[in-house]
């Protein structure tokens, strides 16, 4: 059995890890802030930036489906760690 101090420290690590994970997942929703600078800086069309967002969102959705099934088999820690590393 873990001591109270180790248990409390582990809770904060889990909370901080969850917060970082949610922040990385939320970055896809900030894409609209980058479309104009990318279009202006690289000369990309609106179609190009839209396809980039669509590909990123498809990857997020597909990863969530695969990760959800994998989560049911092995649990949340390994799935979350793998997702963060990817």
PDB file of N, CA and C in Angstrom:
ATOM      1  N   UNK A   1       0.840  -1.184   0.000  1.00  0.00           N
ATOM      2  CA  UNK A   1       0.000   0.000   0.000  1.00  0.00           C
ATOM      3  C   UNK A   1       0.886   1.248   0.000  1.00  0.00           C
ATOM      4  N   UNK A   2       0.474   2.258  -0.733  1.00  0.00           N
ATOM      5  CA  UNK A   2       1.247   3.492  -0.812  1.00  0.00           C
ATOM      6  C   UNK A   2       1.020   4.347   0.420  1.00  0.00           C
ATOM      7  N   UNK A   3       2.048   5.134   0.734  1.00  0.00           N
ATOM      8  CA  UNK A   3       1.881   6.084   1.830  1.00  0.00           C
ATOM      9  C   UNK A   3       0.999   7.233   1.356  1.00  0.00           C
ATOM     10  N   UNK A   4       0.494   8.017   2.304  1.00  0.00           N
ATOM     11  CA  UNK A   4      -0.377   9.145   1.953  1.00  0.00           C
ATOM     12  C   UNK A   4       0.360  10.175   1.109  1.00  0.00           C
ATOM     13  N   UNK A   5       1.631  10.430   1.425  1.00  0.00           N
ATOM     14  CA  UNK A   5       2.407  11.420   0.665  1.00  0.00           C
ATOM     15  C   UNK A   5       2.605  10.968  -0.779  1.00  0.00           C
ATOM     16  N   UNK A   6       2.931   9.692  -0.972  1.00  0.00           N
ATOM     17  CA  UNK A   6       3.125   9.175  -2.334  1.00  0.00           C
ATOM     18  C   UNK A   6       1.818   9.188  -3.099  1.00  0.00           C
ATOM     19  N   UNK A   7       0.728   8.857  -2.430  1.00  0.00           N
ATOM     20  CA  UNK A   7      -0.582   8.851  -3.066  1.00  0.00           C
ATOM     21  C   UNK A   7      -1.000  10.260  -3.487  1.00  0.00           C
ATOM     22  N   UNK A   8      -0.753  11.245  -2.619  1.00  0.00           N
ATOM     23  CA  UNK A   8      -1.095  12.637  -2.942  1.00  0.00           C
ATOM     24  C   UNK A   8      -0.242  13.147  -4.094  1.00  0.00           C
ATOM     25  N   UNK A   9       1.029  12.811  -4.112  1.00  0.00           N
ATOM     26  CA  UNK A   9       1.915  13.233  -5.194  1.00  0.00           C
ATOM     27  C   UNK A   9       1.458  12.601  -6.514  1.00  0.00           C
ATOM     28  N   UNK A  10       1.091  11.343  -6.483  1.00  0.00           N
ATOM     29  CA  UNK A  10       0.623  10.646  -7.679  1.00  0.00           C
ATOM     30  C   UNK A  10      -0.649  11.295  -8.226  1.00  0.00           C
ATOM     31  N   UNK A  11      -1.527  11.752  -7.352  1.00  0.00           N
ATOM     32  CA  UNK A  11      -2.749  12.425  -7.802  1.00  0.00           C
ATOM     33  C   UNK A  11      -2.434  13.695  -8.576  1.00  0.00           C
ATOM     34  N   UNK A  12      -1.445  14.454  -8.103  1.00  0.00           N
ATOM     35  CA  UNK A  12      -1.084  15.688  -8.792  1.00  0.00           C
ATOM     36  C   UNK A  12      -0.429  15.403 -10.137  1.00  0.00           C
ATOM     37  N   UNK A  13       0.350  14.342 -10.209  1.00  0.00           N
ATOM     38  CA  UNK A  13       0.966  13.957 -11.484  1.00  0.00           C
ATOM     39  C   UNK A  13      -0.117  13.578 -12.488  1.00  0.00           C
ATOM     40  N   UNK A  14      -1.103  12.825 -12.045  1.00  0.00           N
ATOM     41  CA  UNK A  14      -2.200  12.422 -12.918  1.00  0.00           C
ATOM     42  C   UNK A  14      -3.009  13.648 -13.357  1.00  0.00           C
ATOM     43  N   UNK A  15      -3.282  14.564 -12.438  1.00  0.00           N
ATOM     44  CA  UNK A  15      -4.034  15.774 -12.783  1.00  0.00           C
ATOM     45  C   UNK A  15      -3.262  16.635 -13.786  1.00  0.00           C
ATOM     46  N   UNK A  16      -1.959  16.816 -13.563  1.00  0.00           N
ATOM     47  CA  UNK A  16      -1.146  17.610 -14.477  1.00  0.00           C
ATOM     48  C   UNK A  16      -1.052  16.934 -15.847  1.00  0.00           C
ATOM     49  N   UNK A  17      -0.905  15.631 -15.858  1.00  0.00           N
ATOM     50  CA  UNK A  17      -0.851  14.893 -17.127  1.00  0.00           C
ATOM     51  C   UNK A  17      -2.158  15.037 -17.890  1.00  0.00           C
ATOM     52  N   UNK A  18      -3.273  14.955 -17.199  1.00  0.00           N
ATOM     53  CA  UNK A  18      -4.572  15.134 -17.844  1.00  0.00           C
ATOM     54  C   UNK A  18      -4.738  16.526 -18.419  1.00  0.00           C
ATOM     55  N   UNK A  19      -4.268  17.523 -17.696  1.00  0.00           N
ATOM     56  CA  UNK A  19      -4.373  18.900 -18.174  1.00  0.00           C
ATOM     57  C   UNK A  19      -3.531  19.110 -19.438  1.00  0.00           C
ATOM     58  N   UNK A  20      -2.313  18.598 -19.443  1.00  0.00           N
ATOM     59  CA  UNK A  20      -1.459  18.728 -20.621  1.00  0.00           C
ATOM     60  C   UNK A  20      -2.067  17.991 -21.803  1.00  0.00           C
ATOM     61  N   UNK A  21      -2.613  16.819 -21.560  1.00  0.00           N
ATOM     62  CA  UNK A  21      -3.253  16.048 -22.628  1.00  0.00           C
ATOM     63  C   UNK A  21      -4.432  16.816 -23.217  1.00  0.00           C
ATOM     64  N   UNK A  22      -5.265  17.389 -22.389  1.00  0.00           N
ATOM     65  CA  UNK A  22      -6.413  18.157 -22.891  1.00  0.00           C
ATOM     66  C   UNK A  22      -5.974  19.410 -23.642  1.00  0.00           C
ATOM     67  N   UNK A  23      -4.875  20.033 -23.202  1.00  0.00           N
ATOM     68  CA  UNK A  23      -4.371  21.209 -23.908  1.00  0.00           C
ATOM     69  C   UNK A  23      -3.885  20.823 -25.303  1.00  0.00           C
ATOM     70  N   UNK A  24      -3.219  19.688 -25.427  1.00  0.00           N
ATOM     71  CA  UNK A  24      -2.750  19.274 -26.746  1.00  0.00           C
ATOM     72  C   UNK A  24      -3.914  18.892 -27.645  1.00  0.00           C
ATOM     73  N   UNK A  25      -4.949  18.293 -27.082  1.00  0.00           N
ATOM     74  CA  UNK A  25      -6.127  17.972 -27.886  1.00  0.00           C
ATOM     75  C   UNK A  25      -6.852  19.231 -28.338  1.00  0.00           C
ATOM     76  N   UNK A  26      -6.813  20.267 -27.548  1.00  0.00           N
ATOM     77  CA  UNK A  26      -7.509  21.505 -27.879  1.00  0.00           C
ATOM     78  C   UNK A  26      -6.807  22.354 -28.926  1.00  0.00           C
ATOM     79  N   UNK A  27      -5.565  22.033 -29.237  1.00  0.00           N
ATOM     80  CA  UNK A  27      -4.851  22.842 -30.217  1.00  0.00           C
ATOM     81  C   UNK A  27      -5.483  22.783 -31.600  1.00  0.00           C
ATOM     82  N   UNK A  28      -6.159  21.707 -31.926  1.00  0.00           N
ATOM     83  CA  UNK A  28      -6.780  21.608 -33.256  1.00  0.00           C
ATOM     84  C   UNK A  28      -7.856  22.677 -33.435  1.00  0.00           C
ATOM     85  N   UNK A  29      -8.482  23.073 -32.355  1.00  0.00           N
ATOM     86  CA  UNK A  29      -9.554  24.061 -32.454  1.00  0.00           C
ATOM     87  C   UNK A  29      -9.018  25.492 -32.609  1.00  0.00           C
ATOM     88  N   UNK A  30      -7.732  25.668 -32.430  1.00  0.00           N
ATOM     89  CA  UNK A  30      -7.139  26.989 -32.651  1.00  0.00           C
ATOM     90  C   UNK A  30      -6.645  27.149 -34.087  1.00  0.00           C
ATOM     91  N   UNK A  31      -6.907  26.181 -34.932  1.00  0.00           N
ATOM     92  CA  UNK A  31      -6.429  26.221 -36.312  1.00  0.00           C
ATOM     93  C   UNK A  31      -6.882  27.480 -37.050  1.00  0.00           C
ATOM     94  N   UNK A  32      -8.085  27.930 -36.772  1.00  0.00           N
ATOM     95  CA  UNK A  32      -8.598  29.105 -37.494  1.00  0.00           C
ATOM     96  C   UNK A  32      -7.728  30.336 -37.274  1.00  0.00           C
ATOM     97  N   UNK A  33      -6.978  30.377 -36.180  1.00  0.00           N
ATOM     98  CA  UNK A  33      -6.073  31.504 -35.938  1.00  0.00           C
ATOM     99  C   UNK A  33      -4.878  31.492 -36.883  1.00  0.00           C
ATOM    100  N   UNK A  34      -4.552  30.336 -37.428  1.00  0.00           N
ATOM    101  CA  UNK A  34      -3.363  30.200 -38.256  1.00  0.00           C
ATOM    102  C   UNK A  34      -3.645  30.246 -39.748  1.00  0.00           C
ATOM    103  N   UNK A  35      -4.898  30.198 -40.147  1.00  0.00           N
ATOM    104  CA  UNK A  35      -5.186  30.118 -41.582  1.00  0.00           C
ATOM    105  C   UNK A  35      -4.736  31.366 -42.345  1.00  0.00           C
ATOM    106  N   UNK A  36      -5.036  32.541 -41.829  1.00  0.00           N
ATOM    107  CA  UNK A  36      -4.625  33.761 -42.538  1.00  0.00           C
ATOM    108  C   UNK A  36      -3.100  33.937 -42.569  1.00  0.00           C
ATOM    109  N   UNK A  37      -2.387  33.752 -41.457  1.00  0.00           N
ATOM    110  CA  UNK A  37      -0.924  33.867 -41.540  1.00  0.00           C
ATOM    111  C   UNK A  37      -0.299  32.843 -42.492  1.00  0.00           C
ATOM    112  N   UNK A  38      -0.825  31.617 -42.508  1.00  0.00           N
ATOM    113  CA  UNK A  38      -0.282  30.613 -43.429  1.00  0.00           C
ATOM    114  C   UNK A  38      -0.582  30.971 -44.879  1.00  0.00           C
ATOM    115  N   UNK A  39      -1.799  31.441 -45.111  1.00  0.00           N
ATOM    116  CA  UNK A  39      -2.161  31.851 -46.474  1.00  0.00           C
ATOM    117  C   UNK A  39      -1.284  33.004 -46.950  1.00  0.00           C
ATOM    118  N   UNK A  40      -1.071  33.981 -46.088  1.00  0.00           N
ATOM    119  CA  UNK A  40      -0.262  35.137 -46.455  1.00  0.00           C
ATOM    120  C   UNK A  40       1.220  34.826 -46.541  1.00  0.00           C
ATOM    121  N   UNK A  41       1.719  34.063 -45.589  1.00  0.00           N
ATOM    122  CA  UNK A  41       3.155  33.788 -45.534  1.00  0.00           C
ATOM    123  C   UNK A  41       3.641  32.813 -46.586  1.00  0.00           C
ATOM    124  N   UNK A  42       2.859  31.796 -46.870  1.00  0.00           N
ATOM    125  CA  UNK A  42       3.282  30.768 -47.813  1.00  0.00           C
ATOM    126  C   UNK A  42       2.536  30.829 -49.143  1.00  0.00           C
ATOM    127  N   UNK A  43       1.548  31.698 -49.221  1.00  0.00           N
ATOM    128  CA  UNK A  43       0.767  31.797 -50.441  1.00  0.00           C
ATOM    129  C   UNK A  43      -0.205  30.642 -50.621  1.00  0.00           C
ATOM    130  N   UNK A  44      -0.588  30.021 -49.525  1.00  0.00           N
ATOM    131  CA  UNK A  44      -1.516  28.897 -49.597  1.00  0.00           C
ATOM    132  C   UNK A  44      -2.922  29.408 -49.868  1.00  0.00           C
ATOM    133  N   UNK A  45      -3.687  28.620 -50.578  1.00  0.00           N
ATOM    134  CA  UNK A  45      -5.085  28.975 -50.830  1.00  0.00           C
ATOM    135  C   UNK A  45      -5.933  28.584 -49.622  1.00  0.00           C
ATOM    136  N   UNK A  46      -7.148  29.089 -49.625  1.00  0.00           N
ATOM    137  CA  UNK A  46      -8.086  28.724 -48.566  1.00  0.00           C
ATOM    138  C   UNK A  46      -8.373  27.226 -48.597  1.00  0.00           C
ATOM    139  N   UNK A  47      -8.397  26.650 -49.793  1.00  0.00           N
ATOM    140  CA  UNK A  47      -8.628  25.214 -49.950  1.00  0.00           C
ATOM    141  C   UNK A  47      -7.518  24.398 -49.274  1.00  0.00           C
ATOM    142  N   UNK A  48      -6.282  24.838 -49.414  1.00  0.00           N
ATOM    143  CA  UNK A  48      -5.155  24.119 -48.816  1.00  0.00           C
ATOM    144  C   UNK A  48      -5.238  24.120 -47.301  1.00  0.00           C
ATOM    145  N   UNK A  49      -5.514  25.276 -46.719  1.00  0.00           N
ATOM    146  CA  UNK A  49      -5.607  25.335 -45.259  1.00  0.00           C
ATOM    147  C   UNK A  49      -6.820  24.559 -44.754  1.00  0.00           C
ATOM    148  N   UNK A  50      -7.894  24.534 -45.528  1.00  0.00           N
ATOM    149  CA  UNK A  50      -9.077  23.768 -45.131  1.00  0.00           C
ATOM    150  C   UNK A  50      -8.784  22.277 -45.165  1.00  0.00           C
ATOM    151  N   UNK A  51      -8.085  21.812 -46.190  1.00  0.00           N
ATOM    152  CA  UNK A  51      -7.732  20.394 -46.268  1.00  0.00           C
ATOM    153  C   UNK A  51      -6.759  19.996 -45.158  1.00  0.00           C
ATOM    154  N   UNK A  52      -5.881  20.891 -44.793  1.00  0.00           N
ATOM    155  CA  UNK A  52      -4.964  20.609 -43.691  1.00  0.00           C
ATOM    156  C   UNK A  52      -5.732  20.399 -42.395  1.00  0.00           C
ATOM    157  N   UNK A  53      -6.711  21.270 -42.127  1.00  0.00           N
ATOM    158  CA  UNK A  53      -7.543  21.117 -40.931  1.00  0.00           C
ATOM    159  C   UNK A  53      -8.350  19.828 -41.015  1.00  0.00           C
ATOM    160  N   UNK A  54      -8.910  19.529 -42.177  1.00  0.00           N
ATOM    161  CA  UNK A  54      -9.718  18.318 -42.337  1.00  0.00           C
ATOM    162  C   UNK A  54      -8.882  17.067 -42.085  1.00  0.00           C
ATOM    163  N   UNK A  55      -7.662  17.042 -42.587  1.00  0.00           N
ATOM    164  CA  UNK A  55      -6.778  15.907 -42.357  1.00  0.00           C
ATOM    165  C   UNK A  55      -6.429  15.767 -40.874  1.00  0.00           C
ATOM    166  N   UNK A  56      -6.152  16.882 -40.228  1.00  0.00           N
ATOM    167  CA  UNK A  56      -5.837  16.846 -38.798  1.00  0.00           C
ATOM    168  C   UNK A  56      -7.042  16.371 -37.986  1.00  0.00           C
ATOM    169  N   UNK A  57      -8.228  16.839 -38.340  1.00  0.00           N
ATOM    170  CA  UNK A  57      -9.422  16.442 -37.604  1.00  0.00           C
ATOM    171  C   UNK A  57      -9.760  14.974 -37.860  1.00  0.00           C
ATOM    172  N   UNK A  58      -9.568  14.505 -39.088  1.00  0.00           N
ATOM    173  CA  UNK A  58      -9.766  13.088 -39.385  1.00  0.00           C
ATOM    174  C   UNK A  58      -8.805  12.239 -38.562  1.00  0.00           C
ATOM    175  N   UNK A  59      -7.540  12.660 -38.487  1.00  0.00           N
ATOM    176  CA  UNK A  59      -6.553  11.923 -37.706  1.00  0.00           C
ATOM    177  C   UNK A  59      -6.940  11.879 -36.233  1.00  0.00           C
ATOM    178  N   UNK A  60      -7.428  12.993 -35.703  1.00  0.00           N
ATOM    179  CA  UNK A  60      -7.873  13.034 -34.316  1.00  0.00           C
ATOM    180  C   UNK A  60      -9.049  12.086 -34.102  1.00  0.00           C
ATOM    181  N   UNK A  61     -10.001  12.100 -35.012  1.00  0.00           N
ATOM    182  CA  UNK A  61     -11.175  11.238 -34.889  1.00  0.00           C
ATOM    183  C   UNK A  61     -10.806   9.770 -34.997  1.00  0.00           C
ATOM    184  N   UNK A  62      -9.986   9.428 -35.969  1.00  0.00           N
ATOM    185  CA  UNK A  62      -9.557   8.046 -36.147  1.00  0.00           C
ATOM    186  C   UNK A  62      -8.759   7.574 -34.933  1.00  0.00           C
ATOM    187  N   UNK A  63      -7.863   8.441 -34.448  1.00  0.00           N
ATOM    188  CA  UNK A  63      -7.082   8.102 -33.263  1.00  0.00           C
ATOM    189  C   UNK A  63      -7.954   7.893 -32.034  1.00  0.00           C
ATOM    190  N   UNK A  64      -9.032   8.667 -31.918  1.00  0.00           N
ATOM    191  CA  UNK A  64      -9.949   8.506 -30.787  1.00  0.00           C
ATOM    192  C   UNK A  64     -10.679   7.168 -30.873  1.00  0.00           C
ATOM    193  N   UNK A  65     -11.060   6.764 -32.073  1.00  0.00           N
ATOM    194  CA  UNK A  65     -11.731   5.466 -32.228  1.00  0.00           C
ATOM    195  C   UNK A  65     -10.791   4.313 -31.879  1.00  0.00           C
ATOM    196  N   UNK A  66      -9.582   4.360 -32.420  1.00  0.00           N
ATOM    197  CA  UNK A  66      -8.608   3.302 -32.142  1.00  0.00           C
ATOM    198  C   UNK A  66      -8.225   3.312 -30.661  1.00  0.00           C
ATOM    199  N   UNK A  67      -7.962   4.519 -30.141  1.00  0.00           N
ATOM    200  CA  UNK A  67      -7.586   4.632 -28.729  1.00  0.00           C
ATOM    201  C   UNK A  67      -8.688   4.183 -27.789  1.00  0.00           C
ATOM    202  N   UNK A  68      -9.940   4.437 -28.152  1.00  0.00           N
ATOM    203  CA  UNK A  68     -11.058   4.009 -27.308  1.00  0.00           C
ATOM    204  C   UNK A  68     -11.160   2.502 -27.216  1.00  0.00           C
ATOM    205  N   UNK A  69     -10.984   1.843 -28.337  1.00  0.00           N
ATOM    206  CA  UNK A  69     -11.027   0.370 -28.330  1.00  0.00           C
ATOM    207  C   UNK A  69      -9.830  -0.202 -27.575  1.00  0.00           C
ATOM    208  N   UNK A  70      -8.674   0.420 -27.780  1.00  0.00           N
ATOM    209  CA  UNK A  70      -7.465  -0.032 -27.090  1.00  0.00           C
ATOM    210  C   UNK A  70      -7.598   0.215 -25.587  1.00  0.00           C
ATOM    211  N   UNK A  71      -8.215   1.322 -25.214  1.00  0.00           N
ATOM    212  CA  UNK A  71      -8.452   1.660 -23.803  1.00  0.00           C
ATOM    213  C   UNK A  71      -9.271   0.578 -23.112  1.00  0.00           C
ATOM    214  N   UNK A  72     -10.276   0.052 -23.809  1.00  0.00           N
ATOM    215  CA  UNK A  72     -11.103  -0.999 -23.228  1.00  0.00           C
ATOM    216  C   UNK A  72     -10.297  -2.260 -22.943  1.00  0.00           C
ATOM    217  N   UNK A  73      -9.255  -2.498 -23.712  1.00  0.00           N
ATOM    218  CA  UNK A  73      -8.462  -3.714 -23.538  1.00  0.00           C
ATOM    219  C   UNK A  73      -7.356  -3.577 -22.495  1.00  0.00           C
ATOM    220  N   UNK A  74      -6.643  -2.427 -22.488  1.00  0.00           N
ATOM    221  CA  UNK A  74      -5.456  -2.342 -21.626  1.00  0.00           C
ATOM    222  C   UNK A  74      -5.532  -1.264 -20.554  1.00  0.00           C
ATOM    223  N   UNK A  75      -6.529  -0.398 -20.609  1.00  0.00           N
ATOM    224  CA  UNK A  75      -6.652   0.635 -19.589  1.00  0.00           C
ATOM    225  C   UNK A  75      -6.167   1.996 -20.057  1.00  0.00           C
ATOM    226  N   UNK A  76      -6.426   3.029 -19.266  1.00  0.00           N
ATOM    227  CA  UNK A  76      -6.187   4.398 -19.709  1.00  0.00           C
ATOM    228  C   UNK A  76      -4.735   4.860 -19.691  1.00  0.00           C
ATOM    229  N   UNK A  77      -3.923   4.368 -18.790  1.00  0.00           N
ATOM    230  CA  UNK A  77      -2.572   4.927 -18.639  1.00  0.00           C
ATOM    231  C   UNK A  77      -1.702   4.724 -19.873  1.00  0.00           C
ATOM    232  N   UNK A  78      -1.659   3.498 -20.370  1.00  0.00           N
ATOM    233  CA  UNK A  78      -0.817   3.224 -21.534  1.00  0.00           C
ATOM    234  C   UNK A  78      -1.338   3.937 -22.774  1.00  0.00           C
ATOM    235  N   UNK A  79      -2.652   4.010 -22.907  1.00  0.00           N
ATOM    236  CA  UNK A  79      -3.236   4.686 -24.063  1.00  0.00           C
ATOM    237  C   UNK A  79      -2.938   6.181 -24.013  1.00  0.00           C
ATOM    238  N   UNK A  80      -3.127   6.803 -22.877  1.00  0.00           N
ATOM    239  CA  UNK A  80      -2.854   8.236 -22.748  1.00  0.00           C
ATOM    240  C   UNK A  80      -1.373   8.527 -22.953  1.00  0.00           C
ATOM    241  N   UNK A  81      -0.509   7.719 -22.398  1.00  0.00           N
ATOM    242  CA  UNK A  81       0.931   7.927 -22.557  1.00  0.00           C
ATOM    243  C   UNK A  81       1.320   7.806 -24.021  1.00  0.00           C
ATOM    244  N   UNK A  82       0.814   6.797 -24.699  1.00  0.00           N
ATOM    245  CA  UNK A  82       1.118   6.609 -26.125  1.00  0.00           C
ATOM    246  C   UNK A  82       0.600   7.791 -26.945  1.00  0.00           C
ATOM    247  N   UNK A  83      -0.611   8.233 -26.644  1.00  0.00           N
ATOM    248  CA  UNK A  83      -1.175   9.384 -27.361  1.00  0.00           C
ATOM    249  C   UNK A  83      -0.373  10.646 -27.177  1.00  0.00           C
ATOM    250  N   UNK A  84       0.075  10.897 -25.979  1.00  0.00           N
ATOM    251  CA  UNK A  84       0.880  12.088 -25.715  1.00  0.00           C
ATOM    252  C   UNK A  84       2.218  11.997 -26.434  1.00  0.00           C
ATOM    253  N   UNK A  85       2.814  10.818 -26.446  1.00  0.00           N
ATOM    254  CA  UNK A  85       4.101  10.652 -27.120  1.00  0.00           C
ATOM    255  C   UNK A  85       3.957  10.818 -28.644  1.00  0.00           C
ATOM    256  N   UNK A  86       2.841  10.377 -29.188  1.00  0.00           N
ATOM    257  CA  UNK A  86       2.628  10.550 -30.629  1.00  0.00           C
ATOM    258  C   UNK A  86       2.375  11.998 -30.958  1.00  0.00           C
TER     259      UNK A  86
END
